[in-house]
């Protein structure tokens, strides 16, 4: 029985190490694998943002900027977006959450040519800033981000 527990623990550690090696540790990010390539995913993400009434403030195409200085970076683009009807009340609850607003989503390609959409977990932001009394806004944000990432990746 003790050997089985030890083997289970070793397997768990090996699996966890593999996840960390892929750059996807549990650090407050939600990573959603896309069924599409990079170009299609970023196009679908923008459409999903528009459809949800989100304002896209900017898009930062990191890989394109990197190529301008001779750095080879896999396709990576950051979308910065938000909705003042949700973000502003959160800042009233805890003004310092503004450092993490507006919302961001990263479309990126990993070393195995798989495209991902990653974003900050609203629960992580709630905990990070110790926000109390604004649960309904975090629920709205969680639902919206899940729907947007699903629309972009499936």
N, C-alpha and C. Protein backbone atom coordinates (compact mmCIF):
# COMPACT_ATOMS: atom_id res chain seq x y z
N UNK A 1 0.84 -1.20 0.00
CA UNK A 1 0.00 0.00 0.00
C UNK A 1 0.88 1.25 0.00
N UNK A 2 1.95 1.22 0.76
CA UNK A 2 2.85 2.36 0.85
C UNK A 2 3.53 2.62 -0.49
N UNK A 3 3.86 1.56 -1.21
CA UNK A 3 4.49 1.70 -2.53
C UNK A 3 3.51 2.34 -3.51
N UNK A 4 2.26 1.96 -3.45
CA UNK A 4 1.25 2.54 -4.34
C UNK A 4 1.11 4.03 -4.08
N UNK A 5 1.09 4.43 -2.82
CA UNK A 5 1.00 5.85 -2.47
C UNK A 5 2.22 6.60 -2.99
N UNK A 6 3.39 6.00 -2.83
CA UNK A 6 4.63 6.63 -3.30
C UNK A 6 4.61 6.80 -4.81
N UNK A 7 4.18 5.75 -5.52
CA UNK A 7 4.10 5.83 -6.98
C UNK A 7 3.08 6.89 -7.42
N UNK A 8 1.98 6.96 -6.72
CA UNK A 8 0.97 7.97 -7.02
C UNK A 8 1.54 9.37 -6.83
N UNK A 9 2.28 9.57 -5.74
CA UNK A 9 2.89 10.86 -5.46
C UNK A 9 3.92 11.22 -6.53
N UNK A 10 4.75 10.26 -6.91
CA UNK A 10 5.76 10.50 -7.95
C UNK A 10 5.09 10.87 -9.27
N UNK A 11 4.02 10.17 -9.62
CA UNK A 11 3.28 10.46 -10.85
C UNK A 11 2.69 11.87 -10.80
N UNK A 12 2.12 12.23 -9.66
CA UNK A 12 1.55 13.56 -9.49
C UNK A 12 2.62 14.63 -9.64
N UNK A 13 3.77 14.44 -9.03
CA UNK A 13 4.87 15.41 -9.13
C UNK A 13 5.36 15.51 -10.57
N UNK A 14 5.50 14.38 -11.24
CA UNK A 14 5.96 14.38 -12.64
C UNK A 14 4.97 15.11 -13.52
N UNK A 15 3.68 14.88 -13.31
CA UNK A 15 2.65 15.55 -14.10
C UNK A 15 2.67 17.04 -13.84
N UNK A 16 2.76 17.43 -12.57
CA UNK A 16 2.80 18.83 -12.21
C UNK A 16 4.03 19.49 -12.80
N UNK A 17 5.18 18.84 -12.74
CA UNK A 17 6.41 19.40 -13.29
C UNK A 17 6.25 19.63 -14.79
N UNK A 18 5.59 18.71 -15.47
CA UNK A 18 5.36 18.86 -16.91
C UNK A 18 4.50 20.07 -17.20
N UNK A 19 3.49 20.33 -16.38
CA UNK A 19 2.65 21.51 -16.57
C UNK A 19 3.47 22.77 -16.36
N UNK A 20 4.29 22.81 -15.32
CA UNK A 20 5.14 23.97 -15.07
C UNK A 20 6.13 24.15 -16.21
N UNK A 21 6.66 23.06 -16.74
CA UNK A 21 7.62 23.14 -17.83
C UNK A 21 6.99 23.73 -19.08
N UNK A 22 5.69 23.55 -19.26
CA UNK A 22 4.99 24.09 -20.41
C UNK A 22 4.61 25.55 -20.19
N UNK A 23 4.95 26.11 -19.04
CA UNK A 23 4.66 27.51 -18.79
C UNK A 23 3.22 27.78 -18.40
N UNK A 24 2.53 26.80 -17.86
CA UNK A 24 1.13 26.98 -17.50
C UNK A 24 0.88 26.63 -16.04
N UNK A 25 1.65 27.22 -15.12
CA UNK A 25 1.39 26.94 -13.71
C UNK A 25 0.10 27.60 -13.25
N UNK A 26 -0.40 27.18 -12.11
CA UNK A 26 -1.59 27.77 -11.54
C UNK A 26 -1.19 29.08 -10.87
N UNK A 27 -1.17 30.15 -11.63
CA UNK A 27 -0.72 31.45 -11.12
C UNK A 27 -1.74 32.54 -11.37
N UNK A 28 -3.00 32.18 -11.32
CA UNK A 28 -4.05 33.16 -11.51
C UNK A 28 -4.44 33.35 -12.96
N UNK A 29 -3.91 32.52 -13.85
CA UNK A 29 -4.26 32.60 -15.26
C UNK A 29 -5.19 31.46 -15.63
N UNK A 30 -6.10 31.74 -16.52
CA UNK A 30 -6.93 30.72 -17.12
C UNK A 30 -6.46 30.58 -18.56
N UNK A 31 -6.07 29.36 -18.95
CA UNK A 31 -5.56 29.07 -20.28
C UNK A 31 -6.55 28.18 -21.00
N UNK A 32 -7.03 28.63 -22.15
CA UNK A 32 -8.02 27.88 -22.92
C UNK A 32 -7.39 27.52 -24.27
N UNK A 33 -7.29 26.23 -24.54
CA UNK A 33 -6.72 25.77 -25.80
C UNK A 33 -7.69 26.01 -26.94
N UNK A 34 -7.17 26.53 -28.04
CA UNK A 34 -8.00 26.82 -29.20
C UNK A 34 -8.01 25.64 -30.17
N UNK A 35 -9.13 25.47 -30.82
CA UNK A 35 -9.26 24.49 -31.90
C UNK A 35 -8.77 25.08 -33.22
N UNK A 36 -8.44 26.37 -33.21
CA UNK A 36 -8.09 27.09 -34.42
C UNK A 36 -6.62 27.52 -34.41
N UNK A 37 -6.16 27.99 -35.55
CA UNK A 37 -4.81 28.54 -35.60
C UNK A 37 -4.81 29.95 -35.00
N UNK A 38 -3.65 30.54 -34.93
CA UNK A 38 -3.49 31.85 -34.31
C UNK A 38 -4.36 32.92 -34.98
N UNK A 39 -4.27 33.02 -36.31
CA UNK A 39 -4.99 34.07 -37.03
C UNK A 39 -6.50 33.95 -36.82
N UNK A 40 -7.03 32.74 -36.89
CA UNK A 40 -8.47 32.53 -36.72
C UNK A 40 -8.88 32.83 -35.27
N UNK A 41 -8.06 32.40 -34.32
CA UNK A 41 -8.39 32.64 -32.91
C UNK A 41 -8.43 34.12 -32.60
N UNK A 42 -7.44 34.87 -33.07
CA UNK A 42 -7.44 36.31 -32.77
C UNK A 42 -8.60 37.02 -33.45
N UNK A 43 -8.97 36.57 -34.63
CA UNK A 43 -10.13 37.13 -35.33
C UNK A 43 -11.42 36.82 -34.56
N UNK A 44 -11.56 35.58 -34.11
CA UNK A 44 -12.75 35.19 -33.35
C UNK A 44 -12.81 35.88 -31.99
N UNK A 45 -11.64 36.11 -31.38
CA UNK A 45 -11.62 36.83 -30.10
C UNK A 45 -12.12 38.26 -30.29
N UNK A 46 -11.65 38.94 -31.32
CA UNK A 46 -12.11 40.31 -31.56
C UNK A 46 -13.61 40.34 -31.82
N UNK A 47 -14.10 39.38 -32.60
CA UNK A 47 -15.54 39.31 -32.87
C UNK A 47 -16.33 39.07 -31.58
N UNK A 48 -15.84 38.18 -30.75
CA UNK A 48 -16.53 37.88 -29.48
C UNK A 48 -16.56 39.11 -28.58
N UNK A 49 -15.46 39.85 -28.54
CA UNK A 49 -15.42 41.09 -27.74
C UNK A 49 -16.44 42.09 -28.26
N UNK A 50 -16.47 42.25 -29.58
CA UNK A 50 -17.43 43.18 -30.19
C UNK A 50 -18.86 42.74 -29.91
N UNK A 51 -19.13 41.44 -30.05
CA UNK A 51 -20.47 40.91 -29.83
C UNK A 51 -20.94 41.09 -28.39
N UNK A 52 -20.00 41.07 -27.44
CA UNK A 52 -20.34 41.23 -26.02
C UNK A 52 -20.38 42.70 -25.60
N UNK A 53 -20.14 43.60 -26.54
CA UNK A 53 -20.18 45.03 -26.22
C UNK A 53 -18.95 45.51 -25.47
N UNK A 54 -17.86 44.77 -25.58
CA UNK A 54 -16.61 45.18 -24.93
C UNK A 54 -15.90 46.19 -25.81
N UNK A 55 -15.30 47.16 -25.19
CA UNK A 55 -14.51 48.15 -25.92
C UNK A 55 -13.06 47.67 -25.96
N UNK A 56 -12.52 47.48 -27.16
CA UNK A 56 -11.11 47.12 -27.29
C UNK A 56 -10.31 48.40 -27.28
N UNK A 57 -9.49 48.59 -26.23
CA UNK A 57 -8.70 49.80 -26.11
C UNK A 57 -7.45 49.75 -26.98
N UNK A 58 -6.83 48.56 -27.01
CA UNK A 58 -5.64 48.39 -27.83
C UNK A 58 -5.35 46.92 -28.03
N UNK A 59 -4.55 46.66 -29.03
CA UNK A 59 -4.03 45.32 -29.28
C UNK A 59 -2.53 45.47 -29.44
N UNK A 60 -1.79 44.64 -28.73
CA UNK A 60 -0.33 44.69 -28.78
C UNK A 60 0.15 43.39 -29.41
N UNK A 61 0.69 43.48 -30.60
CA UNK A 61 1.17 42.30 -31.31
C UNK A 61 2.64 42.15 -30.97
N UNK A 62 2.91 41.47 -29.87
CA UNK A 62 4.27 41.32 -29.34
C UNK A 62 5.21 40.67 -30.34
N UNK A 63 4.75 39.63 -31.03
CA UNK A 63 5.63 38.91 -31.95
C UNK A 63 6.02 39.79 -33.14
N UNK A 64 5.11 40.63 -33.59
CA UNK A 64 5.44 41.53 -34.69
C UNK A 64 6.47 42.56 -34.24
N UNK A 65 6.29 43.11 -33.03
CA UNK A 65 7.26 44.07 -32.49
C UNK A 65 8.62 43.42 -32.30
N UNK A 66 8.63 42.19 -31.84
CA UNK A 66 9.89 41.47 -31.62
C UNK A 66 10.62 41.27 -32.95
N UNK A 67 9.87 40.95 -34.01
CA UNK A 67 10.52 40.71 -35.30
C UNK A 67 11.18 41.98 -35.83
N UNK A 68 10.67 43.14 -35.44
CA UNK A 68 11.24 44.41 -35.90
C UNK A 68 12.64 44.66 -35.34
N UNK A 69 12.97 43.95 -34.26
CA UNK A 69 14.32 44.09 -33.69
C UNK A 69 15.11 42.80 -33.83
N UNK A 70 14.62 41.91 -34.68
CA UNK A 70 15.35 40.68 -34.98
C UNK A 70 15.17 39.55 -33.99
N UNK A 71 14.14 39.64 -33.15
CA UNK A 71 13.86 38.58 -32.17
C UNK A 71 12.74 37.70 -32.72
N UNK A 72 12.97 36.41 -32.71
CA UNK A 72 11.99 35.44 -33.20
C UNK A 72 11.11 35.00 -32.03
N UNK A 73 9.89 35.50 -31.98
CA UNK A 73 8.92 35.16 -30.93
C UNK A 73 7.72 34.50 -31.59
N UNK A 74 7.30 33.37 -31.03
CA UNK A 74 6.09 32.72 -31.57
C UNK A 74 4.94 33.72 -31.52
N UNK A 75 3.95 33.52 -32.37
CA UNK A 75 2.81 34.44 -32.47
C UNK A 75 2.22 34.72 -31.09
N UNK A 76 2.16 36.00 -30.75
CA UNK A 76 1.70 36.45 -29.43
C UNK A 76 1.06 37.82 -29.58
N UNK A 77 -0.23 37.92 -29.22
CA UNK A 77 -0.92 39.21 -29.29
C UNK A 77 -1.78 39.41 -28.04
N UNK A 78 -1.64 40.60 -27.46
CA UNK A 78 -2.38 40.96 -26.25
C UNK A 78 -3.54 41.87 -26.63
N UNK A 79 -4.74 41.52 -26.16
CA UNK A 79 -5.93 42.35 -26.34
C UNK A 79 -6.22 43.02 -24.99
N UNK A 80 -6.43 44.33 -25.01
CA UNK A 80 -6.78 45.08 -23.80
C UNK A 80 -8.19 45.61 -24.04
N UNK A 81 -9.12 45.26 -23.16
CA UNK A 81 -10.53 45.55 -23.40
C UNK A 81 -11.27 45.69 -22.08
N UNK A 82 -12.46 46.24 -22.16
CA UNK A 82 -13.25 46.33 -20.94
C UNK A 82 -14.64 46.90 -21.18
N UNK A 83 -15.35 47.02 -20.06
CA UNK A 83 -16.69 47.58 -20.04
C UNK A 83 -16.78 48.40 -18.76
N UNK A 84 -16.88 49.71 -18.92
CA UNK A 84 -16.90 50.62 -17.76
C UNK A 84 -18.03 50.34 -16.79
N UNK A 85 -19.13 49.76 -17.30
CA UNK A 85 -20.28 49.47 -16.43
C UNK A 85 -19.93 48.43 -15.37
N UNK A 86 -18.91 47.64 -15.63
CA UNK A 86 -18.49 46.62 -14.67
C UNK A 86 -17.19 47.03 -13.98
N UNK A 87 -16.24 47.55 -14.74
CA UNK A 87 -14.94 47.91 -14.18
C UNK A 87 -15.00 49.07 -13.20
N UNK A 88 -15.77 50.09 -13.51
CA UNK A 88 -15.84 51.27 -12.64
C UNK A 88 -16.38 50.94 -11.24
N UNK A 89 -17.48 50.17 -11.14
CA UNK A 89 -17.95 49.80 -9.80
C UNK A 89 -16.91 48.97 -9.01
N UNK A 90 -16.13 48.15 -9.72
CA UNK A 90 -15.08 47.39 -9.03
C UNK A 90 -14.05 48.34 -8.42
N UNK A 91 -13.72 49.39 -9.15
CA UNK A 91 -12.74 50.35 -8.63
C UNK A 91 -13.30 51.14 -7.44
N UNK A 92 -14.62 51.27 -7.39
CA UNK A 92 -15.23 51.91 -6.22
C UNK A 92 -15.07 50.98 -5.02
N UNK A 93 -15.24 49.68 -5.24
CA UNK A 93 -15.07 48.70 -4.16
C UNK A 93 -13.63 48.66 -3.67
N UNK A 94 -12.70 48.69 -4.59
CA UNK A 94 -11.27 48.66 -4.25
C UNK A 94 -10.50 49.35 -5.37
N UNK A 95 -10.10 50.57 -5.12
CA UNK A 95 -9.51 51.40 -6.16
C UNK A 95 -8.25 50.79 -6.77
N UNK A 96 -7.45 50.09 -5.99
CA UNK A 96 -6.19 49.54 -6.50
C UNK A 96 -6.37 48.42 -7.52
N UNK A 97 -7.59 47.90 -7.66
CA UNK A 97 -7.81 46.90 -8.70
C UNK A 97 -7.63 47.51 -10.09
N UNK A 98 -7.62 48.83 -10.15
CA UNK A 98 -7.41 49.53 -11.42
C UNK A 98 -6.07 49.16 -12.06
N UNK A 99 -5.11 48.71 -11.27
CA UNK A 99 -3.83 48.28 -11.82
C UNK A 99 -4.01 47.07 -12.74
N UNK A 100 -5.07 46.28 -12.53
CA UNK A 100 -5.34 45.09 -13.32
C UNK A 100 -6.49 45.29 -14.31
N UNK A 101 -6.97 46.51 -14.40
CA UNK A 101 -8.05 46.81 -15.35
C UNK A 101 -7.52 47.83 -16.36
N UNK A 102 -7.97 47.84 -17.57
CA UNK A 102 -8.99 46.96 -18.12
C UNK A 102 -8.50 45.52 -18.24
N UNK A 103 -9.43 44.65 -18.59
CA UNK A 103 -9.12 43.23 -18.75
C UNK A 103 -8.16 43.02 -19.91
N UNK A 104 -7.47 41.90 -19.85
CA UNK A 104 -6.53 41.55 -20.91
C UNK A 104 -6.73 40.08 -21.29
N UNK A 105 -6.52 39.79 -22.56
CA UNK A 105 -6.51 38.40 -23.03
C UNK A 105 -5.33 38.26 -23.97
N UNK A 106 -4.60 37.18 -23.81
CA UNK A 106 -3.42 36.93 -24.63
C UNK A 106 -3.70 35.75 -25.55
N UNK A 107 -3.52 35.98 -26.85
CA UNK A 107 -3.58 34.90 -27.82
C UNK A 107 -2.13 34.57 -28.15
N UNK A 108 -1.78 33.30 -27.97
CA UNK A 108 -0.37 32.92 -28.15
C UNK A 108 -0.26 31.49 -28.65
N UNK A 109 0.89 31.20 -29.23
CA UNK A 109 1.16 29.88 -29.77
C UNK A 109 2.31 29.27 -28.97
N UNK A 110 2.10 28.04 -28.49
CA UNK A 110 3.15 27.39 -27.69
C UNK A 110 4.17 26.70 -28.59
N UNK A 111 5.13 26.06 -27.94
CA UNK A 111 6.25 25.42 -28.65
C UNK A 111 5.80 24.22 -29.51
N UNK A 112 4.58 23.75 -29.31
CA UNK A 112 4.06 22.64 -30.11
C UNK A 112 3.06 23.12 -31.15
N UNK A 113 3.06 24.43 -31.42
CA UNK A 113 2.20 25.06 -32.42
C UNK A 113 0.72 24.99 -32.07
N UNK A 114 0.41 24.96 -30.78
CA UNK A 114 -0.97 24.98 -30.29
C UNK A 114 -1.29 26.42 -29.88
N UNK A 115 -2.44 26.90 -30.29
CA UNK A 115 -2.86 28.27 -29.97
C UNK A 115 -3.70 28.26 -28.70
N UNK A 116 -3.47 29.27 -27.87
CA UNK A 116 -4.13 29.41 -26.58
C UNK A 116 -4.71 30.82 -26.44
N UNK A 117 -5.74 30.94 -25.60
CA UNK A 117 -6.21 32.23 -25.11
C UNK A 117 -6.05 32.18 -23.59
N UNK A 118 -5.34 33.15 -23.05
CA UNK A 118 -5.10 33.20 -21.60
C UNK A 118 -5.59 34.54 -21.06
N UNK A 119 -6.13 34.49 -19.84
CA UNK A 119 -6.58 35.72 -19.19
C UNK A 119 -6.51 35.55 -17.68
N UNK A 120 -6.53 36.67 -16.97
CA UNK A 120 -6.50 36.65 -15.52
C UNK A 120 -7.81 36.09 -14.98
N UNK A 121 -7.70 35.17 -14.05
CA UNK A 121 -8.87 34.61 -13.38
C UNK A 121 -9.46 35.70 -12.48
N UNK A 122 -10.72 36.10 -12.69
CA UNK A 122 -11.31 37.13 -11.84
C UNK A 122 -11.26 36.79 -10.34
N UNK A 123 -11.38 35.51 -10.00
CA UNK A 123 -11.29 35.10 -8.59
C UNK A 123 -9.90 35.41 -8.03
N UNK A 124 -8.89 35.24 -8.86
CA UNK A 124 -7.52 35.58 -8.46
C UNK A 124 -7.40 37.08 -8.20
N UNK A 125 -7.97 37.89 -9.09
CA UNK A 125 -7.92 39.34 -8.90
C UNK A 125 -8.70 39.76 -7.65
N UNK A 126 -9.83 39.11 -7.42
CA UNK A 126 -10.62 39.41 -6.23
C UNK A 126 -9.81 39.12 -4.96
N UNK A 127 -9.13 37.99 -4.97
CA UNK A 127 -8.30 37.62 -3.82
C UNK A 127 -7.07 38.54 -3.71
N UNK A 128 -6.42 38.78 -4.83
CA UNK A 128 -5.21 39.61 -4.84
C UNK A 128 -5.48 40.98 -4.21
N UNK A 129 -6.63 41.57 -4.55
CA UNK A 129 -6.95 42.91 -4.08
C UNK A 129 -7.87 42.91 -2.86
N UNK A 130 -8.19 41.72 -2.36
CA UNK A 130 -9.02 41.56 -1.17
C UNK A 130 -10.31 42.37 -1.28
N UNK A 131 -10.99 42.20 -2.41
CA UNK A 131 -12.23 42.92 -2.68
C UNK A 131 -13.39 42.21 -2.00
N UNK A 132 -14.15 42.97 -1.26
CA UNK A 132 -15.33 42.43 -0.59
C UNK A 132 -16.55 43.25 -1.00
N UNK A 133 -17.68 42.59 -1.11
CA UNK A 133 -18.93 43.30 -1.37
C UNK A 133 -19.22 43.55 -2.84
N UNK A 134 -18.45 43.00 -3.74
CA UNK A 134 -18.68 43.20 -5.18
C UNK A 134 -18.76 41.88 -5.92
N UNK A 135 -19.22 40.86 -5.24
CA UNK A 135 -19.26 39.52 -5.84
C UNK A 135 -20.02 39.48 -7.16
N UNK A 136 -21.10 40.25 -7.27
CA UNK A 136 -21.90 40.19 -8.50
C UNK A 136 -21.09 40.65 -9.72
N UNK A 137 -20.17 41.58 -9.53
CA UNK A 137 -19.35 42.04 -10.65
C UNK A 137 -18.33 40.98 -11.06
N UNK A 138 -17.75 40.31 -10.07
CA UNK A 138 -16.81 39.24 -10.40
C UNK A 138 -17.51 38.08 -11.09
N UNK A 139 -18.74 37.81 -10.69
CA UNK A 139 -19.52 36.76 -11.34
C UNK A 139 -19.79 37.13 -12.80
N UNK A 140 -20.16 38.40 -13.04
CA UNK A 140 -20.39 38.86 -14.41
C UNK A 140 -19.12 38.76 -15.24
N UNK A 141 -18.01 39.20 -14.68
CA UNK A 141 -16.74 39.17 -15.40
C UNK A 141 -16.34 37.74 -15.71
N UNK A 142 -16.46 36.85 -14.74
CA UNK A 142 -16.11 35.43 -14.96
C UNK A 142 -16.93 34.84 -16.09
N UNK A 143 -18.22 35.08 -16.07
CA UNK A 143 -19.10 34.56 -17.11
C UNK A 143 -18.77 35.13 -18.48
N UNK A 144 -18.53 36.43 -18.53
CA UNK A 144 -18.22 37.08 -19.81
C UNK A 144 -16.90 36.57 -20.37
N UNK A 145 -15.87 36.47 -19.53
CA UNK A 145 -14.57 36.00 -20.02
C UNK A 145 -14.63 34.55 -20.48
N UNK A 146 -15.37 33.73 -19.77
CA UNK A 146 -15.52 32.33 -20.18
C UNK A 146 -16.24 32.24 -21.52
N UNK A 147 -17.29 33.04 -21.71
CA UNK A 147 -18.03 33.02 -22.97
C UNK A 147 -17.18 33.55 -24.12
N UNK A 148 -16.43 34.60 -23.87
CA UNK A 148 -15.58 35.20 -24.90
C UNK A 148 -14.49 34.22 -25.31
N UNK A 149 -13.84 33.60 -24.34
CA UNK A 149 -12.76 32.67 -24.67
C UNK A 149 -13.31 31.43 -25.38
N UNK A 150 -14.50 30.99 -24.99
CA UNK A 150 -15.12 29.84 -25.66
C UNK A 150 -15.44 30.20 -27.12
N UNK A 151 -15.98 31.37 -27.34
CA UNK A 151 -16.32 31.80 -28.71
C UNK A 151 -15.06 31.91 -29.57
N UNK A 152 -13.95 32.26 -28.97
CA UNK A 152 -12.71 32.44 -29.73
C UNK A 152 -11.99 31.12 -30.00
N UNK A 153 -12.26 30.12 -29.19
CA UNK A 153 -11.46 28.90 -29.26
C UNK A 153 -12.19 27.67 -29.79
N UNK A 154 -13.51 27.72 -29.88
CA UNK A 154 -14.26 26.53 -30.33
C UNK A 154 -14.93 26.75 -31.66
